[in-house]
PDB file of all heavy atoms in Angstrom:
ATOM      1  N   SER A   1       0.125  -2.396  -8.810  1.00  0.00           N
ATOM      2  CA  SER A   1       0.004  -3.744  -9.391  1.00  0.00           C
ATOM      3  C   SER A   1       1.308  -4.303  -9.943  1.00  0.00           C
ATOM      4  O   SER A   1       1.476  -5.532  -9.957  1.00  0.00           O
ATOM      5  CB  SER A   1      -1.060  -3.737 -10.489  1.00  0.00           C
ATOM      6  OG  SER A   1      -0.694  -2.897 -11.543  1.00  0.00           O
ATOM      7  N   THR A   2       2.210  -3.459 -10.386  1.00  0.00           N
ATOM      8  CA  THR A   2       3.446  -3.976 -10.991  1.00  0.00           C
ATOM      9  C   THR A   2       4.672  -3.810 -10.100  1.00  0.00           C
ATOM     10  O   THR A   2       5.760  -4.272 -10.437  1.00  0.00           O
ATOM     11  CB  THR A   2       3.715  -3.325 -12.357  1.00  0.00           C
ATOM     12  OG1 THR A   2       3.785  -1.901 -12.194  1.00  0.00           O
ATOM     13  CG2 THR A   2       2.630  -3.681 -13.353  1.00  0.00           C
ATOM     14  N   THR A   3       4.533  -3.138  -8.956  1.00  0.00           N
ATOM     15  CA  THR A   3       5.635  -3.072  -8.015  1.00  0.00           C
ATOM     16  C   THR A   3       5.943  -4.477  -7.503  1.00  0.00           C
ATOM     17  O   THR A   3       5.055  -5.150  -6.981  1.00  0.00           O
ATOM     18  CB  THR A   3       5.291  -2.174  -6.801  1.00  0.00           C
ATOM     19  OG1 THR A   3       5.009  -0.852  -7.281  1.00  0.00           O
ATOM     20  CG2 THR A   3       6.462  -2.123  -5.812  1.00  0.00           C
ATOM     21  N   PRO A   4       7.175  -4.976  -7.652  1.00  0.00           N
ATOM     22  CA  PRO A   4       7.480  -6.345  -7.249  1.00  0.00           C
ATOM     23  C   PRO A   4       7.119  -6.632  -5.791  1.00  0.00           C
ATOM     24  O   PRO A   4       7.267  -5.762  -4.918  1.00  0.00           O
ATOM     25  CB  PRO A   4       8.989  -6.473  -7.506  1.00  0.00           C
ATOM     26  CG  PRO A   4       9.245  -5.494  -8.625  1.00  0.00           C
ATOM     27  CD  PRO A   4       8.329  -4.343  -8.347  1.00  0.00           C
ATOM     28  N   ALA A   5       6.679  -7.843  -5.530  1.00  0.00           N
ATOM     29  CA  ALA A   5       6.218  -8.234  -4.193  1.00  0.00           C
ATOM     30  C   ALA A   5       7.286  -8.070  -3.147  1.00  0.00           C
ATOM     31  O   ALA A   5       6.993  -7.815  -1.967  1.00  0.00           O
ATOM     32  CB  ALA A   5       5.724  -9.691  -4.220  1.00  0.00           C
ATOM     33  N   VAL A   6       8.562  -8.205  -3.532  1.00  0.00           N
ATOM     34  CA  VAL A   6       9.647  -8.178  -2.535  1.00  0.00           C
ATOM     35  C   VAL A   6      10.194  -6.770  -2.297  1.00  0.00           C
ATOM     36  O   VAL A   6      11.082  -6.582  -1.459  1.00  0.00           O
ATOM     37  CB  VAL A   6      10.800  -9.113  -2.965  1.00  0.00           C
ATOM     38  CG1 VAL A   6      10.328 -10.554  -2.984  1.00  0.00           C
ATOM     39  CG2 VAL A   6      11.365  -8.711  -4.343  1.00  0.00           C
ATOM     40  N   TYR A   7       9.710  -5.773  -3.022  1.00  0.00           N
ATOM     41  CA  TYR A   7      10.245  -4.425  -2.892  1.00  0.00           C
ATOM     42  C   TYR A   7       9.771  -3.734  -1.613  1.00  0.00           C
ATOM     43  O   TYR A   7       8.625  -3.913  -1.184  1.00  0.00           O
ATOM     44  CB  TYR A   7       9.836  -3.572  -4.112  1.00  0.00           C
ATOM     45  CG  TYR A   7      10.826  -3.612  -5.241  1.00  0.00           C
ATOM     46  CD1 TYR A   7      11.674  -4.699  -5.436  1.00  0.00           C
ATOM     47  CD2 TYR A   7      10.922  -2.552  -6.141  1.00  0.00           C
ATOM     48  CE1 TYR A   7      12.571  -4.735  -6.491  1.00  0.00           C
ATOM     49  CE2 TYR A   7      11.805  -2.571  -7.202  1.00  0.00           C
ATOM     50  CZ  TYR A   7      12.638  -3.667  -7.362  1.00  0.00           C
ATOM     51  OH  TYR A   7      13.524  -3.694  -8.402  1.00  0.00           O
ATOM     52  N   ALA A   8      10.641  -2.910  -1.024  1.00  0.00           N
ATOM     53  CA  ALA A   8      10.238  -2.099   0.117  1.00  0.00           C
ATOM     54  C   ALA A   8       9.066  -1.177  -0.240  1.00  0.00           C
ATOM     55  O   ALA A   8       8.202  -0.912   0.614  1.00  0.00           O
ATOM     56  CB  ALA A   8      11.426  -1.255   0.602  1.00  0.00           C
ATOM     57  N   GLU A   9       9.027  -0.701  -1.463  1.00  0.00           N
ATOM     58  CA  GLU A   9       7.943   0.156  -1.907  1.00  0.00           C
ATOM     59  C   GLU A   9       6.576  -0.528  -1.729  1.00  0.00           C
ATOM     60  O   GLU A   9       5.584   0.145  -1.433  1.00  0.00           O
ATOM     61  CB  GLU A   9       8.149   0.567  -3.366  1.00  0.00           C
ATOM     62  CG  GLU A   9       7.022   1.394  -3.973  1.00  0.00           C
ATOM     63  CD  GLU A   9       6.808   2.742  -3.279  1.00  0.00           C
ATOM     64  OE1 GLU A   9       7.707   3.190  -2.523  1.00  0.00           O
ATOM     65  OE2 GLU A   9       5.741   3.326  -3.473  1.00  0.00           O
ATOM     66  N   LYS A  10       6.546  -1.843  -1.897  1.00  0.00           N
ATOM     67  CA  LYS A  10       5.271  -2.562  -1.716  1.00  0.00           C
ATOM     68  C   LYS A  10       4.791  -2.433  -0.276  1.00  0.00           C
ATOM     69  O   LYS A  10       3.571  -2.299  -0.040  1.00  0.00           O
ATOM     70  CB  LYS A  10       5.450  -4.033  -2.092  1.00  0.00           C
ATOM     71  CG  LYS A  10       4.197  -4.887  -1.950  1.00  0.00           C
ATOM     72  CD  LYS A  10       3.076  -4.451  -2.889  1.00  0.00           C
ATOM     73  CE  LYS A  10       3.407  -4.769  -4.315  1.00  0.00           C
ATOM     74  NZ  LYS A  10       2.259  -4.452  -5.211  1.00  0.00           N
ATOM     75  N   ARG A  11       5.686  -2.443   0.680  1.00  0.00           N
ATOM     76  CA  ARG A  11       5.279  -2.290   2.081  1.00  0.00           C
ATOM     77  C   ARG A  11       4.752  -0.863   2.347  1.00  0.00           C
ATOM     78  O   ARG A  11       3.784  -0.690   3.077  1.00  0.00           O
ATOM     79  CB  ARG A  11       6.450  -2.613   2.993  1.00  0.00           C
ATOM     80  CG  ARG A  11       6.622  -4.116   3.190  1.00  0.00           C
ATOM     81  CD  ARG A  11       7.807  -4.681   2.356  1.00  0.00           C
ATOM     82  NE  ARG A  11       7.715  -6.131   2.333  1.00  0.00           N
ATOM     83  CZ  ARG A  11       7.442  -6.835   1.220  1.00  0.00           C
ATOM     84  NH1 ARG A  11       7.227  -6.231   0.073  1.00  0.00           N
ATOM     85  NH2 ARG A  11       7.363  -8.139   1.273  1.00  0.00           N
ATOM     86  N   ARG A  12       5.400   0.121   1.732  1.00  0.00           N
ATOM     87  CA  ARG A  12       4.895   1.490   1.888  1.00  0.00           C
ATOM     88  C   ARG A  12       3.520   1.633   1.233  1.00  0.00           C
ATOM     89  O   ARG A  12       2.631   2.321   1.756  1.00  0.00           O
ATOM     90  CB  ARG A  12       5.904   2.481   1.293  1.00  0.00           C
ATOM     91  CG  ARG A  12       7.224   2.538   2.050  1.00  0.00           C
ATOM     92  CD  ARG A  12       8.080   3.711   1.594  1.00  0.00           C
ATOM     93  NE  ARG A  12       8.627   3.521   0.259  1.00  0.00           N
ATOM     94  CZ  ARG A  12       9.774   2.925  -0.025  1.00  0.00           C
ATOM     95  NH1 ARG A  12      10.531   2.436   0.963  1.00  0.00           N
ATOM     96  NH2 ARG A  12      10.208   2.830  -1.260  1.00  0.00           N
ATOM     97  N   GLN A  13       3.332   0.983   0.089  1.00  0.00           N
ATOM     98  CA  GLN A  13       2.045   0.996  -0.560  1.00  0.00           C
ATOM     99  C   GLN A  13       0.971   0.341   0.332  1.00  0.00           C
ATOM    100  O   GLN A  13      -0.180   0.794   0.392  1.00  0.00           O
ATOM    101  CB  GLN A  13       2.088   0.279  -1.911  1.00  0.00           C
ATOM    102  CG  GLN A  13       2.907   1.020  -2.961  1.00  0.00           C
ATOM    103  CD  GLN A  13       3.162   0.180  -4.215  1.00  0.00           C
ATOM    104  OE1 GLN A  13       2.864  -1.018  -4.234  1.00  0.00           O
ATOM    105  NE2 GLN A  13       3.678   0.820  -5.236  1.00  0.00           N
ATOM    106  N   ALA A  14       1.371  -0.725   1.001  1.00  0.00           N
ATOM    107  CA  ALA A  14       0.432  -1.410   1.899  1.00  0.00           C
ATOM    108  C   ALA A  14      -0.022  -0.475   3.028  1.00  0.00           C
ATOM    109  O   ALA A  14      -1.221  -0.405   3.367  1.00  0.00           O
ATOM    110  CB  ALA A  14       1.088  -2.651   2.493  1.00  0.00           C
ATOM    111  N   LYS A  15       0.908   0.270   3.598  1.00  0.00           N
ATOM    112  CA  LYS A  15       0.552   1.186   4.679  1.00  0.00           C
ATOM    113  C   LYS A  15      -0.365   2.305   4.157  1.00  0.00           C
ATOM    114  O   LYS A  15      -1.348   2.672   4.820  1.00  0.00           O
ATOM    115  CB  LYS A  15       1.820   1.779   5.293  1.00  0.00           C
ATOM    116  CG  LYS A  15       1.570   2.585   6.563  1.00  0.00           C
ATOM    117  CD  LYS A  15       2.859   3.041   7.206  1.00  0.00           C
ATOM    118  CE  LYS A  15       3.614   1.880   7.858  1.00  0.00           C
ATOM    119  NZ  LYS A  15       4.796   2.362   8.630  1.00  0.00           N
ATOM    120  N   GLU A  16      -0.049   2.843   2.976  1.00  0.00           N
ATOM    121  CA  GLU A  16      -0.903   3.885   2.404  1.00  0.00           C
ATOM    122  C   GLU A  16      -2.285   3.349   2.093  1.00  0.00           C
ATOM    123  O   GLU A  16      -3.287   4.079   2.216  1.00  0.00           O
ATOM    124  CB  GLU A  16      -0.245   4.465   1.149  1.00  0.00           C
ATOM    125  CG  GLU A  16       0.991   5.322   1.438  1.00  0.00           C
ATOM    126  CD  GLU A  16       0.714   6.458   2.401  1.00  0.00           C
ATOM    127  OE1 GLU A  16      -0.300   7.165   2.192  1.00  0.00           O
ATOM    128  OE2 GLU A  16       1.505   6.635   3.361  1.00  0.00           O
ATOM    129  N   THR A  17      -2.357   2.078   1.639  1.00  0.00           N
ATOM    130  CA  THR A  17      -3.654   1.470   1.365  1.00  0.00           C
ATOM    131  C   THR A  17      -4.488   1.382   2.645  1.00  0.00           C
ATOM    132  O   THR A  17      -5.688   1.663   2.636  1.00  0.00           O
ATOM    133  CB  THR A  17      -3.446   0.070   0.767  1.00  0.00           C
ATOM    134  OG1 THR A  17      -2.759   0.189  -0.494  1.00  0.00           O
ATOM    135  CG2 THR A  17      -4.771  -0.655   0.531  1.00  0.00           C
ATOM    136  N   GLY A  18      -3.853   0.995   3.765  1.00  0.00           N
ATOM    137  CA  GLY A  18      -4.546   0.948   5.034  1.00  0.00           C
ATOM    138  C   GLY A  18      -5.047   2.322   5.474  1.00  0.00           C
ATOM    139  O   GLY A  18      -6.164   2.451   5.998  1.00  0.00           O
ATOM    140  N   LYS A  19      -4.264   3.345   5.272  1.00  0.00           N
ATOM    141  CA  LYS A  19      -4.692   4.697   5.606  1.00  0.00           C
ATOM    142  C   LYS A  19      -5.878   5.116   4.744  1.00  0.00           C
ATOM    143  O   LYS A  19      -6.862   5.704   5.220  1.00  0.00           O
ATOM    144  CB  LYS A  19      -3.533   5.675   5.413  1.00  0.00           C
ATOM    145  CG  LYS A  19      -2.405   5.537   6.397  1.00  0.00           C
ATOM    146  CD  LYS A  19      -1.291   6.558   6.090  1.00  0.00           C
ATOM    147  CE  LYS A  19      -0.129   6.436   7.056  1.00  0.00           C
ATOM    148  NZ  LYS A  19       0.968   7.369   6.712  1.00  0.00           N
ATOM    149  N   ARG A  20      -5.784   4.814   3.474  1.00  0.00           N
ATOM    150  CA  ARG A  20      -6.805   5.296   2.539  1.00  0.00           C
ATOM    151  C   ARG A  20      -8.188   4.671   2.792  1.00  0.00           C
ATOM    152  O   ARG A  20      -9.191   5.337   2.650  1.00  0.00           O
ATOM    153  CB  ARG A  20      -6.368   5.017   1.099  1.00  0.00           C
ATOM    154  CG  ARG A  20      -7.367   5.466   0.033  1.00  0.00           C
ATOM    155  CD  ARG A  20      -7.703   6.942   0.116  1.00  0.00           C
ATOM    156  NE  ARG A  20      -8.864   7.271  -0.710  1.00  0.00           N
ATOM    157  CZ  ARG A  20      -9.698   8.278  -0.479  1.00  0.00           C
ATOM    158  NH1 ARG A  20      -9.493   9.095   0.559  1.00  0.00           N
ATOM    159  NH2 ARG A  20     -10.717   8.499  -1.269  1.00  0.00           N
ATOM    160  N   ILE A  21      -8.246   3.384   3.207  1.00  0.00           N
ATOM    161  CA  ILE A  21      -9.555   2.780   3.414  1.00  0.00           C
ATOM    162  C   ILE A  21     -10.320   3.481   4.548  1.00  0.00           C
ATOM    163  O   ILE A  21     -11.546   3.616   4.475  1.00  0.00           O
ATOM    164  CB  ILE A  21      -9.439   1.270   3.686  1.00  0.00           C
ATOM    165  CG1 ILE A  21     -10.847   0.617   3.703  1.00  0.00           C
ATOM    166  CG2 ILE A  21      -8.716   0.978   4.995  1.00  0.00           C
ATOM    167  CD1 ILE A  21     -11.633   0.774   2.429  1.00  0.00           C
ATOM    168  N   VAL A  22      -9.631   3.953   5.554  1.00  0.00           N
ATOM    169  CA  VAL A  22     -10.309   4.666   6.656  1.00  0.00           C
ATOM    170  C   VAL A  22     -10.921   5.967   6.118  1.00  0.00           C
ATOM    171  O   VAL A  22     -12.058   6.323   6.449  1.00  0.00           O
ATOM    172  CB  VAL A  22      -9.349   4.938   7.812  1.00  0.00           C
ATOM    173  CG1 VAL A  22     -10.053   5.715   8.928  1.00  0.00           C
ATOM    174  CG2 VAL A  22      -8.785   3.620   8.367  1.00  0.00           C
ATOM    175  N   GLU A  23     -10.174   6.639   5.257  1.00  0.00           N
ATOM    176  CA  GLU A  23     -10.703   7.857   4.640  1.00  0.00           C
ATOM    177  C   GLU A  23     -11.905   7.521   3.746  1.00  0.00           C
ATOM    178  O   GLU A  23     -12.902   8.275   3.713  1.00  0.00           O
ATOM    179  CB  GLU A  23      -9.605   8.539   3.808  1.00  0.00           C
ATOM    180  CG  GLU A  23      -8.426   9.033   4.630  1.00  0.00           C
ATOM    181  CD  GLU A  23      -7.247   9.444   3.759  1.00  0.00           C
ATOM    182  OE1 GLU A  23      -7.301   9.209   2.528  1.00  0.00           O
ATOM    183  OE2 GLU A  23      -6.278   9.992   4.282  1.00  0.00           O
ATOM    184  N   MET A  24     -11.846   6.426   3.023  1.00  0.00           N
ATOM    185  CA  MET A  24     -12.944   6.031   2.142  1.00  0.00           C
ATOM    186  C   MET A  24     -14.211   5.730   2.940  1.00  0.00           C
ATOM    187  O   MET A  24     -15.328   6.050   2.498  1.00  0.00           O
ATOM    188  CB  MET A  24     -12.557   4.797   1.309  1.00  0.00           C
ATOM    189  CG  MET A  24     -11.507   5.071   0.253  1.00  0.00           C
ATOM    190  SD  MET A  24     -10.980   3.558  -0.574  1.00  0.00           S
ATOM    191  CE  MET A  24     -12.495   3.058  -1.418  1.00  0.00           C
ATOM    192  N   VAL A  25     -14.055   5.119   4.116  1.00  0.00           N
ATOM    193  CA  VAL A  25     -15.221   4.875   4.987  1.00  0.00           C
ATOM    194  C   VAL A  25     -15.854   6.198   5.383  1.00  0.00           C
ATOM    195  O   VAL A  25     -17.093   6.357   5.340  1.00  0.00           O
ATOM    196  CB  VAL A  25     -14.795   4.052   6.218  1.00  0.00           C
ATOM    197  CG1 VAL A  25     -15.931   4.003   7.234  1.00  0.00           C
ATOM    198  CG2 VAL A  25     -14.401   2.631   5.821  1.00  0.00           C
TER     199      VAL A  25
END
């Protein structure tokens, strides 16, 4: 939530979020 929108880390978090939802299903 506090990682700035423009940071590269935000993109890595986005990819991990995509991976995690498949596991949650």
